Amino acid sequence: MATIEVRAFAKLSLIFKERGWDNPLSISFSHPMTADELRQELDLPTHQVEAVFINHKVQPFSSLLQGGERVAFVPHGVPSVHRFWLGFYQEDHK
């Protein structure tokens, strides 16, 4: 089994809290999955997640997770200057 560390920021962290999950949350899985499949597995609504960081870098949702990664989901609403610094300044970056 592979394990990854998942974090949620801002509004998404409230979902974790409501569900009684740790933040970061340790997830074990038996087969590689994409960041979007992980989002679906966690039942995080697509319209609430704007970007995903994998090992501290913005990555496409199609990125494959195999274990050992640190994943963070970021909601919409990050102020514009921070969007540029964080690397997801384009709405269609997904």
PDB file of N, CA and C in Angstrom:
ATOM      1  N   MET A   1       0.833  -1.192   0.000  1.00  0.00           N
ATOM      2  CA  MET A   1       0.000   0.000   0.000  1.00  0.00           C
ATOM      3  C   MET A   1       0.872   1.248   0.000  1.00  0.00           C
ATOM      4  N   ALA A   2       0.443   2.218  -0.777  1.00  0.00           N
ATOM      5  CA  ALA A   2       1.129   3.503  -0.835  1.00  0.00           C
ATOM      6  C   ALA A   2       0.380   4.504   0.043  1.00  0.00           C
ATOM      7  N   THR A   3       1.100   5.485   0.542  1.00  0.00           N
ATOM      8  CA  THR A   3       0.499   6.512   1.401  1.00  0.00           C
ATOM      9  C   THR A   3       0.882   7.886   0.896  1.00  0.00           C
ATOM     10  N   ILE A   4      -0.065   8.822   0.974  1.00  0.00           N
ATOM     11  CA  ILE A   4       0.196  10.223   0.651  1.00  0.00           C
ATOM     12  C   ILE A   4      -0.343  11.084   1.786  1.00  0.00           C
ATOM     13  N   GLU A   5       0.174  12.301   1.864  1.00  0.00           N
ATOM     14  CA  GLU A   5      -0.281  13.278   2.840  1.00  0.00           C
ATOM     15  C   GLU A   5      -1.113  14.313   2.106  1.00  0.00           C
ATOM     16  N   VAL A   6      -2.338  14.539   2.568  1.00  0.00           N
ATOM     17  CA  VAL A   6      -3.258  15.466   1.900  1.00  0.00           C
ATOM     18  C   VAL A   6      -3.602  16.605   2.843  1.00  0.00           C
ATOM     19  N   ARG A   7      -3.497  17.818   2.316  1.00  0.00           N
ATOM     20  CA  ARG A   7      -3.874  19.021   3.065  1.00  0.00           C
ATOM     21  C   ARG A   7      -4.958  19.764   2.297  1.00  0.00           C
ATOM     22  N   ALA A   8      -5.760  20.495   3.042  1.00  0.00           N
ATOM     23  CA  ALA A   8      -6.776  21.358   2.435  1.00  0.00           C
ATOM     24  C   ALA A   8      -6.606  22.746   3.030  1.00  0.00           C
ATOM     25  N   PHE A   9      -6.758  23.754   2.195  1.00  0.00           N
ATOM     26  CA  PHE A   9      -6.574  25.129   2.646  1.00  0.00           C
ATOM     27  C   PHE A   9      -7.881  25.910   2.596  1.00  0.00           C
ATOM     28  N   ALA A  10      -7.935  26.936   3.435  1.00  0.00           N
ATOM     29  CA  ALA A  10      -9.044  27.887   3.506  1.00  0.00           C
ATOM     30  C   ALA A  10     -10.382  27.168   3.617  1.00  0.00           C
ATOM     31  N   LYS A  11     -11.328  27.467   2.721  1.00  0.00           N
ATOM     32  CA  LYS A  11     -12.674  26.888   2.795  1.00  0.00           C
ATOM     33  C   LYS A  11     -12.653  25.363   2.754  1.00  0.00           C
ATOM     34  N   LEU A  12     -11.707  24.795   2.034  1.00  0.00           N
ATOM     35  CA  LEU A  12     -11.648  23.337   1.936  1.00  0.00           C
ATOM     36  C   LEU A  12     -11.262  22.702   3.265  1.00  0.00           C
ATOM     37  N   SER A  13     -10.499  23.420   4.067  1.00  0.00           N
ATOM     38  CA  SER A  13     -10.132  22.868   5.382  1.00  0.00           C
ATOM     39  C   SER A  13     -11.362  22.737   6.279  1.00  0.00           C
ATOM     40  N   LEU A  14     -12.374  23.556   6.030  1.00  0.00           N
ATOM     41  CA  LEU A  14     -13.617  23.443   6.794  1.00  0.00           C
ATOM     42  C   LEU A  14     -14.333  22.133   6.488  1.00  0.00           C
ATOM     43  N   ILE A  15     -14.240  21.676   5.247  1.00  0.00           N
ATOM     44  CA  ILE A  15     -14.822  20.382   4.868  1.00  0.00           C
ATOM     45  C   ILE A  15     -14.131  19.272   5.653  1.00  0.00           C
ATOM     46  N   PHE A  16     -12.802  19.330   5.711  1.00  0.00           N
ATOM     47  CA  PHE A  16     -12.055  18.329   6.484  1.00  0.00           C
ATOM     48  C   PHE A  16     -12.526  18.345   7.936  1.00  0.00           C
ATOM     49  N   LYS A  17     -12.640  19.541   8.499  1.00  0.00           N
ATOM     50  CA  LYS A  17     -13.031  19.675   9.898  1.00  0.00           C
ATOM     51  C   LYS A  17     -14.432  19.124  10.126  1.00  0.00           C
ATOM     52  N   GLU A  18     -15.384  19.460   9.239  1.00  0.00           N
ATOM     53  CA  GLU A  18     -16.757  18.969   9.361  1.00  0.00           C
ATOM     54  C   GLU A  18     -16.823  17.445   9.327  1.00  0.00           C
ATOM     55  N   ARG A  19     -15.922  16.836   8.575  1.00  0.00           N
ATOM     56  CA  ARG A  19     -15.913  15.376   8.437  1.00  0.00           C
ATOM     57  C   ARG A  19     -15.070  14.695   9.519  1.00  0.00           C
ATOM     58  N   GLY A  20     -14.456  15.501  10.387  1.00  0.00           N
ATOM     59  CA  GLY A  20     -13.649  14.949  11.471  1.00  0.00           C
ATOM     60  C   GLY A  20     -12.307  14.415  11.013  1.00  0.00           C
ATOM     61  N   TRP A  21     -11.816  14.928   9.885  1.00  0.00           N
ATOM     62  CA  TRP A  21     -10.537  14.468   9.325  1.00  0.00           C
ATOM     63  C   TRP A  21      -9.387  15.318   9.853  1.00  0.00           C
ATOM     64  N   ASP A  22      -8.229  14.700   9.965  1.00  0.00           N
ATOM     65  CA  ASP A  22      -7.009  15.450  10.273  1.00  0.00           C
ATOM     66  C   ASP A  22      -6.633  16.298   9.072  1.00  0.00           C
ATOM     67  N   ASN A  23      -5.884  17.345   9.315  1.00  0.00           N
ATOM     68  CA  ASN A  23      -5.357  18.192   8.242  1.00  0.00           C
ATOM     69  C   ASN A  23      -3.924  18.559   8.623  1.00  0.00           C
ATOM     70  N   PRO A  24      -2.932  17.792   8.156  1.00  0.00           N
ATOM     71  CA  PRO A  24      -2.969  16.885   7.006  1.00  0.00           C
ATOM     72  C   PRO A  24      -3.601  15.525   7.338  1.00  0.00           C
ATOM     73  N   LEU A  25      -4.115  14.939   6.276  1.00  0.00           N
ATOM     74  CA  LEU A  25      -4.765  13.638   6.336  1.00  0.00           C
ATOM     75  C   LEU A  25      -3.879  12.624   5.625  1.00  0.00           C
ATOM     76  N   SER A  26      -3.652  11.510   6.245  1.00  0.00           N
ATOM     77  CA  SER A  26      -2.853  10.449   5.629  1.00  0.00           C
ATOM     78  C   SER A  26      -3.806   9.492   4.918  1.00  0.00           C
ATOM     79  N   ILE A  27      -3.554   9.269   3.637  1.00  0.00           N
ATOM     80  CA  ILE A  27      -4.403   8.406   2.805  1.00  0.00           C
ATOM     81  C   ILE A  27      -3.559   7.248   2.291  1.00  0.00           C
ATOM     82  N   SER A  28      -4.066   6.039   2.445  1.00  0.00           N
ATOM     83  CA  SER A  28      -3.407   4.853   1.888  1.00  0.00           C
ATOM     84  C   SER A  28      -4.238   4.344   0.719  1.00  0.00           C
ATOM     85  N   PHE A  29      -3.554   3.886  -0.319  1.00  0.00           N
ATOM     86  CA  PHE A  29      -4.257   3.363  -1.488  1.00  0.00           C
ATOM     87  C   PHE A  29      -3.421   2.266  -2.122  1.00  0.00           C
ATOM     88  N   SER A  30      -4.079   1.400  -2.877  1.00  0.00           N
ATOM     89  CA  SER A  30      -3.397   0.217  -3.410  1.00  0.00           C
ATOM     90  C   SER A  30      -2.973   0.346  -4.869  1.00  0.00           C
ATOM     91  N   HIS A  31      -3.412   1.396  -5.557  1.00  0.00           N
ATOM     92  CA  HIS A  31      -3.042   1.570  -6.960  1.00  0.00           C
ATOM     93  C   HIS A  31      -2.825   3.060  -7.243  1.00  0.00           C
ATOM     94  N   PRO A  32      -1.960   3.388  -8.195  1.00  0.00           N
ATOM     95  CA  PRO A  32      -1.749   4.801  -8.534  1.00  0.00           C
ATOM     96  C   PRO A  32      -3.063   5.471  -8.937  1.00  0.00           C
ATOM     97  N   MET A  33      -3.187   6.735  -8.611  1.00  0.00           N
ATOM     98  CA  MET A  33      -4.371   7.506  -8.996  1.00  0.00           C
ATOM     99  C   MET A  33      -3.945   8.926  -9.340  1.00  0.00           C
ATOM    100  N   THR A  34      -4.781   9.615 -10.092  1.00  0.00           N
ATOM    101  CA  THR A  34      -4.489  11.002 -10.425  1.00  0.00           C
ATOM    102  C   THR A  34      -4.928  11.897  -9.266  1.00  0.00           C
ATOM    103  N   ALA A  35      -4.457  13.127  -9.292  1.00  0.00           N
ATOM    104  CA  ALA A  35      -4.871  14.092  -8.270  1.00  0.00           C
ATOM    105  C   ALA A  35      -6.377  14.314  -8.344  1.00  0.00           C
ATOM    106  N   ASP A  36      -6.951  14.287  -9.549  1.00  0.00           N
ATOM    107  CA  ASP A  36      -8.395  14.463  -9.667  1.00  0.00           C
ATOM    108  C   ASP A  36      -9.144  13.254  -9.119  1.00  0.00           C
ATOM    109  N   GLU A  37      -8.624  12.051  -9.324  1.00  0.00           N
ATOM    110  CA  GLU A  37      -9.253  10.869  -8.743  1.00  0.00           C
ATOM    111  C   GLU A  37      -9.207  10.943  -7.210  1.00  0.00           C
ATOM    112  N   LEU A  38      -8.119  11.472  -6.667  1.00  0.00           N
ATOM    113  CA  LEU A  38      -8.026  11.671  -5.222  1.00  0.00           C
ATOM    114  C   LEU A  38      -9.075  12.679  -4.773  1.00  0.00           C
ATOM    115  N   ARG A  39      -9.221  13.781  -5.516  1.00  0.00           N
ATOM    116  CA  ARG A  39     -10.239  14.781  -5.187  1.00  0.00           C
ATOM    117  C   ARG A  39     -11.622  14.133  -5.158  1.00  0.00           C
ATOM    118  N   GLN A  40     -11.894  13.293  -6.147  1.00  0.00           N
ATOM    119  CA  GLN A  40     -13.185  12.597  -6.203  1.00  0.00           C
ATOM    120  C   GLN A  40     -13.334  11.632  -5.025  1.00  0.00           C
ATOM    121  N   GLU A  41     -12.272  10.900  -4.727  1.00  0.00           N
ATOM    122  CA  GLU A  41     -12.291   9.943  -3.616  1.00  0.00           C
ATOM    123  C   GLU A  41     -12.612  10.645  -2.291  1.00  0.00           C
ATOM    124  N   LEU A  42     -12.090  11.857  -2.138  1.00  0.00           N
ATOM    125  CA  LEU A  42     -12.337  12.644  -0.927  1.00  0.00           C
ATOM    126  C   LEU A  42     -13.670  13.378  -0.984  1.00  0.00           C
ATOM    127  N   ASP A  43     -14.342  13.305  -2.125  1.00  0.00           N
ATOM    128  CA  ASP A  43     -15.627  13.968  -2.343  1.00  0.00           C
ATOM    129  C   ASP A  43     -15.527  15.479  -2.129  1.00  0.00           C
ATOM    130  N   LEU A  44     -14.451  16.065  -2.687  1.00  0.00           N
ATOM    131  CA  LEU A  44     -14.304  17.518  -2.686  1.00  0.00           C
ATOM    132  C   LEU A  44     -14.932  18.029  -3.979  1.00  0.00           C
ATOM    133  N   PRO A  45     -15.935  18.902  -3.897  1.00  0.00           N
ATOM    134  CA  PRO A  45     -16.629  19.366  -5.096  1.00  0.00           C
ATOM    135  C   PRO A  45     -15.694  20.062  -6.090  1.00  0.00           C
ATOM    136  N   THR A  46     -15.810  19.676  -7.351  1.00  0.00           N
ATOM    137  CA  THR A  46     -14.970  20.239  -8.417  1.00  0.00           C
ATOM    138  C   THR A  46     -15.015  21.761  -8.408  1.00  0.00           C
ATOM    139  N   HIS A  47     -16.204  22.327  -8.250  1.00  0.00           N
ATOM    140  CA  HIS A  47     -16.359  23.782  -8.326  1.00  0.00           C
ATOM    141  C   HIS A  47     -15.716  24.508  -7.140  1.00  0.00           C
ATOM    142  N   GLN A  48     -15.310  23.773  -6.106  1.00  0.00           N
ATOM    143  CA  GLN A  48     -14.677  24.412  -4.957  1.00  0.00           C
ATOM    144  C   GLN A  48     -13.159  24.288  -4.952  1.00  0.00           C
ATOM    145  N   VAL A  49     -12.596  23.492  -5.864  1.00  0.00           N
ATOM    146  CA  VAL A  49     -11.145  23.277  -5.900  1.00  0.00           C
ATOM    147  C   VAL A  49     -10.580  23.929  -7.159  1.00  0.00           C
ATOM    148  N   GLU A  50      -9.674  24.884  -6.966  1.00  0.00           N
ATOM    149  CA  GLU A  50      -9.085  25.569  -8.114  1.00  0.00           C
ATOM    150  C   GLU A  50      -7.743  24.990  -8.519  1.00  0.00           C
ATOM    151  N   ALA A  51      -6.945  24.596  -7.547  1.00  0.00           N
ATOM    152  CA  ALA A  51      -5.589  24.152  -7.867  1.00  0.00           C
ATOM    153  C   ALA A  51      -5.175  23.025  -6.937  1.00  0.00           C
ATOM    154  N   VAL A  52      -4.189  22.269  -7.408  1.00  0.00           N
ATOM    155  CA  VAL A  52      -3.613  21.208  -6.585  1.00  0.00           C
ATOM    156  C   VAL A  52      -2.096  21.369  -6.585  1.00  0.00           C
ATOM    157  N   PHE A  53      -1.532  21.300  -5.398  1.00  0.00           N
ATOM    158  CA  PHE A  53      -0.078  21.307  -5.247  1.00  0.00           C
ATOM    159  C   PHE A  53       0.353  19.872  -4.975  1.00  0.00           C
ATOM    160  N   ILE A  54       1.380  19.438  -5.654  1.00  0.00           N
ATOM    161  CA  ILE A  54       1.971  18.132  -5.390  1.00  0.00           C
ATOM    162  C   ILE A  54       3.441  18.377  -5.102  1.00  0.00           C
ATOM    163  N   ASN A  55       3.856  18.025  -3.914  1.00  0.00           N
ATOM    164  CA  ASN A  55       5.224  18.267  -3.466  1.00  0.00           C
ATOM    165  C   ASN A  55       5.630  19.727  -3.646  1.00  0.00           C
ATOM    166  N   HIS A  56       4.744  20.612  -3.213  1.00  0.00           N
ATOM    167  CA  HIS A  56       4.984  22.064  -3.149  1.00  0.00           C
ATOM    168  C   HIS A  56       4.943  22.787  -4.491  1.00  0.00           C
ATOM    169  N   LYS A  57       4.486  22.136  -5.560  1.00  0.00           N
ATOM    170  CA  LYS A  57       4.398  22.789  -6.868  1.00  0.00           C
ATOM    171  C   LYS A  57       3.013  22.594  -7.455  1.00  0.00           C
ATOM    172  N   VAL A  58       2.483  23.640  -8.088  1.00  0.00           N
ATOM    173  CA  VAL A  58       1.200  23.514  -8.773  1.00  0.00           C
ATOM    174  C   VAL A  58       1.362  22.510  -9.906  1.00  0.00           C
ATOM    175  N   GLN A  59       0.444  21.569  -9.959  1.00  0.00           N
ATOM    176  CA  GLN A  59       0.495  20.521 -10.979  1.00  0.00           C
ATOM    177  C   GLN A  59      -0.890  20.352 -11.591  1.00  0.00           C
ATOM    178  N   PRO A  60      -0.949  19.761 -12.778  1.00  0.00           N
ATOM    179  CA  PRO A  60      -2.269  19.470 -13.375  1.00  0.00           C
ATOM    180  C   PRO A  60      -3.004  18.415 -12.549  1.00  0.00           C
ATOM    181  N   PHE A  61      -4.314  18.460 -12.590  1.00  0.00           N
ATOM    182  CA  PHE A  61      -5.127  17.476 -11.876  1.00  0.00           C
ATOM    183  C   PHE A  61      -4.937  16.074 -12.443  1.00  0.00           C
ATOM    184  N   SER A  62      -4.382  15.969 -13.633  1.00  0.00           N
ATOM    185  CA  SER A  62      -4.134  14.677 -14.269  1.00  0.00           C
ATOM    186  C   SER A  62      -2.830  14.027 -13.789  1.00  0.00           C
ATOM    187  N   SER A  63      -2.092  14.712 -12.916  1.00  0.00           N
ATOM    188  CA  SER A  63      -0.822  14.179 -12.403  1.00  0.00           C
ATOM    189  C   SER A  63      -1.054  12.892 -11.631  1.00  0.00           C
ATOM    190  N   LEU A  64      -0.190  11.911 -11.876  1.00  0.00           N
ATOM    191  CA  LEU A  64      -0.315  10.600 -11.249  1.00  0.00           C
ATOM    192  C   LEU A  64       0.362  10.574  -9.882  1.00  0.00           C
ATOM    193  N   LEU A  65      -0.367  10.087  -8.890  1.00  0.00           N
ATOM    194  CA  LEU A  65       0.150   9.926  -7.530  1.00  0.00           C
ATOM    195  C   LEU A  65       0.453   8.453  -7.322  1.00  0.00           C
ATOM    196  N   GLN A  66       1.675   8.172  -6.849  1.00  0.00           N
ATOM    197  CA  GLN A  66       2.067   6.781  -6.669  1.00  0.00           C
ATOM    198  C   GLN A  66       2.399   6.430  -5.228  1.00  0.00           C
ATOM    199  N   GLY A  67       2.507   7.439  -4.384  1.00  0.00           N
ATOM    200  CA  GLY A  67       2.823   7.226  -2.982  1.00  0.00           C
ATOM    201  C   GLY A  67       3.996   8.072  -2.560  1.00  0.00           C
ATOM    202  N   GLY A  68       3.934   8.603  -1.357  1.00  0.00           N
ATOM    203  CA  GLY A  68       4.994   9.448  -0.835  1.00  0.00           C
ATOM    204  C   GLY A  68       4.807  10.925  -1.125  1.00  0.00           C
ATOM    205  N   GLU A  69       3.821  11.272  -1.941  1.00  0.00           N
ATOM    206  CA  GLU A  69       3.616  12.680  -2.280  1.00  0.00           C
ATOM    207  C   GLU A  69       2.938  13.441  -1.146  1.00  0.00           C
ATOM    208  N   ARG A  70       3.141  14.748  -1.181  1.00  0.00           N
ATOM    209  CA  ARG A  70       2.425  15.671  -0.303  1.00  0.00           C
ATOM    210  C   ARG A  70       1.512  16.469  -1.223  1.00  0.00           C
ATOM    211  N   VAL A  71       0.217  16.328  -1.027  1.00  0.00           N
ATOM    212  CA  VAL A  71      -0.786  16.929  -1.911  1.00  0.00           C
ATOM    213  C   VAL A  71      -1.569  17.968  -1.123  1.00  0.00           C
ATOM    214  N   ALA A  72      -1.843  19.108  -1.757  1.00  0.00           N
ATOM    215  CA  ALA A  72      -2.646  20.152  -1.124  1.00  0.00           C
ATOM    216  C   ALA A  72      -3.669  20.670  -2.122  1.00  0.00           C
ATOM    217  N   PHE A  73      -4.926  20.737  -1.683  1.00  0.00           N
ATOM    218  CA  PHE A  73      -5.995  21.284  -2.513  1.00  0.00           C
ATOM    219  C   PHE A  73      -6.264  22.720  -2.083  1.00  0.00           C
ATOM    220  N   VAL A  74      -6.403  23.606  -3.084  1.00  0.00           N
ATOM    221  CA  VAL A  74      -6.588  25.032  -2.830  1.00  0.00           C
ATOM    222  C   VAL A  74      -7.921  25.464  -3.447  1.00  0.00           C
ATOM    223  N   PRO A  75      -8.742  26.187  -2.689  1.00  0.00           N
ATOM    224  CA  PRO A  75     -10.036  26.621  -3.211  1.00  0.00           C
ATOM    225  C   PRO A  75      -9.916  27.885  -4.066  1.00  0.00           C
ATOM    226  N   HIS A  76     -11.007  28.209  -4.728  1.00  0.00           N
ATOM    227  CA  HIS A  76     -11.105  29.494  -5.430  1.00  0.00           C
ATOM    228  C   HIS A  76     -11.056  30.612  -4.398  1.00  0.00           C
ATOM    229  N   GLY A  77     -10.646  31.786  -4.829  1.00  0.00           N
ATOM    230  CA  GLY A  77     -10.688  32.937  -3.951  1.00  0.00           C
ATOM    231  C   GLY A  77      -9.337  33.415  -3.453  1.00  0.00           C
ATOM    232  N   VAL A  78      -8.255  32.765  -3.888  1.00  0.00           N
ATOM    233  CA  VAL A  78      -6.928  33.240  -3.496  1.00  0.00           C
ATOM    234  C   VAL A  78      -6.708  34.595  -4.188  1.00  0.00           C
ATOM    235  N   PRO A  79      -6.303  35.621  -3.454  1.00  0.00           N
ATOM    236  CA  PRO A  79      -6.105  36.945  -4.051  1.00  0.00           C
ATOM    237  C   PRO A  79      -5.143  36.925  -5.244  1.00  0.00           C
ATOM    238  N   SER A  80      -5.354  37.824  -6.183  1.00  0.00           N
ATOM    239  CA  SER A  80      -4.665  37.805  -7.480  1.00  0.00           C
ATOM    240  C   SER A  80      -3.145  37.794  -7.397  1.00  0.00           C
ATOM    241  N   VAL A  81      -2.530  38.606  -6.560  1.00  0.00           N
ATOM    242  CA  VAL A  81      -1.076  38.637  -6.521  1.00  0.00           C
ATOM    243  C   VAL A  81      -0.530  37.306  -6.013  1.00  0.00           C
ATOM    244  N   HIS A  82      -1.226  36.681  -5.087  1.00  0.00           N
ATOM    245  CA  HIS A  82      -0.791  35.383  -4.572  1.00  0.00           C
ATOM    246  C   HIS A  82      -0.951  34.296  -5.625  1.00  0.00           C
ATOM    247  N   ARG A  83      -1.968  34.432  -6.470  1.00  0.00           N
ATOM    248  CA  ARG A  83      -2.181  33.466  -7.554  1.00  0.00           C
ATOM    249  C   ARG A  83      -0.949  33.441  -8.461  1.00  0.00           C
ATOM    250  N   PHE A  84      -0.407  34.594  -8.745  1.00  0.00           N
ATOM    251  CA  PHE A  84       0.778  34.686  -9.602  1.00  0.00           C
ATOM    252  C   PHE A  84       1.973  34.031  -8.909  1.00  0.00           C
ATOM    253  N   TRP A  85       2.202  34.391  -7.651  1.00  0.00           N
ATOM    254  CA  TRP A  85       3.349  33.842  -6.916  1.00  0.00           C
ATOM    255  C   TRP A  85       3.250  32.338  -6.735  1.00  0.00           C
ATOM    256  N   LEU A  86       2.048  31.838  -6.550  1.00  0.00           N
ATOM    257  CA  LEU A  86       1.856  30.405  -6.336  1.00  0.00           C
ATOM    258  C   LEU A  86       1.864  29.597  -7.631  1.00  0.00           C
ATOM    259  N   GLY A  87       1.720  30.281  -8.763  1.00  0.00           N
ATOM    260  CA  GLY A  87       1.824  29.598 -10.045  1.00  0.00           C
ATOM    261  C   GLY A  87       0.520  29.151 -10.664  1.00  0.00           C
ATOM    262  N   PHE A  88      -0.616  29.606 -10.155  1.00  0.00           N
ATOM    263  CA  PHE A  88      -1.883  29.246 -10.809  1.00  0.00           C
ATOM    264  C   PHE A  88      -2.693  30.491 -11.134  1.00  0.00           C
ATOM    265  N   TYR A  89      -2.031  31.421 -11.817  1.00  0.00           N
ATOM    266  CA  TYR A  89      -2.623  32.703 -12.130  1.00  0.00           C
ATOM    267  C   TYR A  89      -3.602  32.645 -13.282  1.00  0.00           C
ATOM    268  N   GLN A  90      -3.729  31.533 -13.980  1.00  0.00           N
ATOM    269  CA  GLN A  90      -4.695  31.416 -15.061  1.00  0.00           C
ATOM    270  C   GLN A  90      -5.811  30.480 -14.637  1.00  0.00           C
ATOM    271  N   GLU A  91      -7.036  30.903 -14.808  1.00  0.00           N
ATOM    272  CA  GLU A  91      -8.206  30.117 -14.410  1.00  0.00           C
ATOM    273  C   GLU A  91      -8.231  28.763 -15.113  1.00  0.00           C
ATOM    274  N   ASP A  92      -7.698  28.700 -16.339  1.00  0.00           N
ATOM    275  CA  ASP A  92      -7.755  27.455 -17.113  1.00  0.00           C
ATOM    276  C   ASP A  92      -6.516  26.605 -16.926  1.00  0.00           C
ATOM    277  N   HIS A  93      -5.736  26.833 -15.880  1.00  0.00           N
ATOM    278  CA  HIS A  93      -4.488  26.077 -15.641  1.00  0.00           C
ATOM    279  C   HIS A  93      -4.738  24.594 -15.411  1.00  0.00           C
ATOM    280  N   LYS A  94      -5.954  24.230 -15.072  1.00  0.00           N
ATOM    281  CA  LYS A  94      -6.285  22.840 -14.760  1.00  0.00           C
ATOM    282  C   LYS A  94      -5.949  21.956 -15.926  1.00  0.00           C
TER     283      LYS A  94
END
